[in-house]
Amino acid sequence: MKTKRKFINVVPKSTLAKNRFINIMENFHAMVVEQETDTQYFVVSLNKKYCFWLNKRNDPHWGIEK
């Protein structure tokens, strides 16, 4: 049985994140959640060129769109 993939939308906050968002992630907000802990998500961009751990609260580089 195939499990349903979870997606979240991210918004860049820092200069570093904005650069990654434009140049690597191709301006796509949606990310695939590959792993999840109580405090973090491990996300992969839709084009599979960028991945990172994202704090669920108060991440310095990324916001999560509700």
Protein backbone atom coordinates (compact mmCIF):
# COMPACT_ATOMS: atom_id res chain seq x y z
CA MET A 1 0.00 0.00 0.00
CA LYS A 2 1.37 3.39 -0.99
CA THR A 3 1.46 6.09 1.68
CA LYS A 4 0.27 9.59 0.86
CA ARG A 5 3.04 12.15 0.58
CA LYS A 6 2.87 15.23 2.78
CA PHE A 7 3.56 18.65 1.31
CA ILE A 8 4.18 22.01 2.95
CA ASN A 9 4.70 25.45 1.44
CA VAL A 10 7.73 27.47 2.48
CA VAL A 11 8.54 31.16 2.22
CA PRO A 12 12.17 32.37 2.24
CA LYS A 13 12.99 34.86 5.02
CA SER A 14 16.78 35.32 4.96
CA THR A 15 18.95 36.49 2.07
CA LEU A 16 20.50 33.01 1.89
CA ALA A 17 17.07 31.34 1.65
CA LYS A 18 15.87 33.82 -0.98
CA ASN A 19 18.95 33.04 -3.08
CA ARG A 20 18.35 29.27 -2.79
CA PHE A 21 14.65 29.74 -3.53
CA ILE A 22 15.28 31.61 -6.78
CA ASN A 23 18.41 29.87 -8.08
CA ILE A 24 17.98 26.25 -6.96
CA MET A 25 14.30 25.69 -6.11
CA GLU A 26 13.03 27.50 -9.24
CA ASN A 27 10.59 29.64 -7.17
CA PHE A 28 8.45 26.65 -6.12
CA HIS A 29 7.01 27.07 -2.62
CA ALA A 30 5.83 23.45 -2.25
CA MET A 31 8.18 21.00 -0.56
CA VAL A 32 7.83 17.25 0.00
CA VAL A 33 8.17 16.22 3.66
CA GLU A 34 10.49 13.19 3.73
CA GLN A 35 10.93 12.97 7.51
CA GLU A 36 9.32 14.62 10.52
CA THR A 37 10.28 14.98 14.17
CA ASP A 38 8.51 16.83 16.98
CA THR A 39 10.40 20.02 16.10
CA GLN A 40 11.55 19.71 12.48
CA TYR A 41 10.69 18.65 8.94
CA PHE A 42 13.20 17.28 6.45
CA VAL A 43 11.98 18.69 3.14
CA VAL A 44 12.93 18.20 -0.51
CA SER A 45 12.16 20.66 -3.29
CA LEU A 46 9.82 19.56 -6.09
CA ASN A 47 12.70 19.58 -8.59
CA LYS A 48 14.75 17.45 -6.12
CA LYS A 49 17.70 19.87 -6.32
CA TYR A 50 17.55 21.16 -2.74
CA CYS A 51 16.75 19.64 0.64
CA PHE A 52 17.11 20.82 4.24
CA TRP A 53 15.92 20.45 7.83
CA LEU A 54 13.27 23.05 8.63
CA ASN A 55 12.37 24.06 12.18
CA LYS A 56 8.61 23.92 12.72
CA ARG A 57 8.82 27.10 14.80
CA ASN A 58 11.07 30.15 14.51
CA ASP A 59 13.28 28.93 11.66
CA PRO A 60 15.79 31.73 10.88
CA HIS A 61 15.70 31.15 7.11
CA TRP A 62 12.25 29.80 6.20
CA GLY A 63 8.63 30.40 7.10
CA ILE A 64 5.82 27.86 6.69
CA GLU A 65 2.72 29.06 4.84
CA LYS A 66 -0.57 28.09 6.47
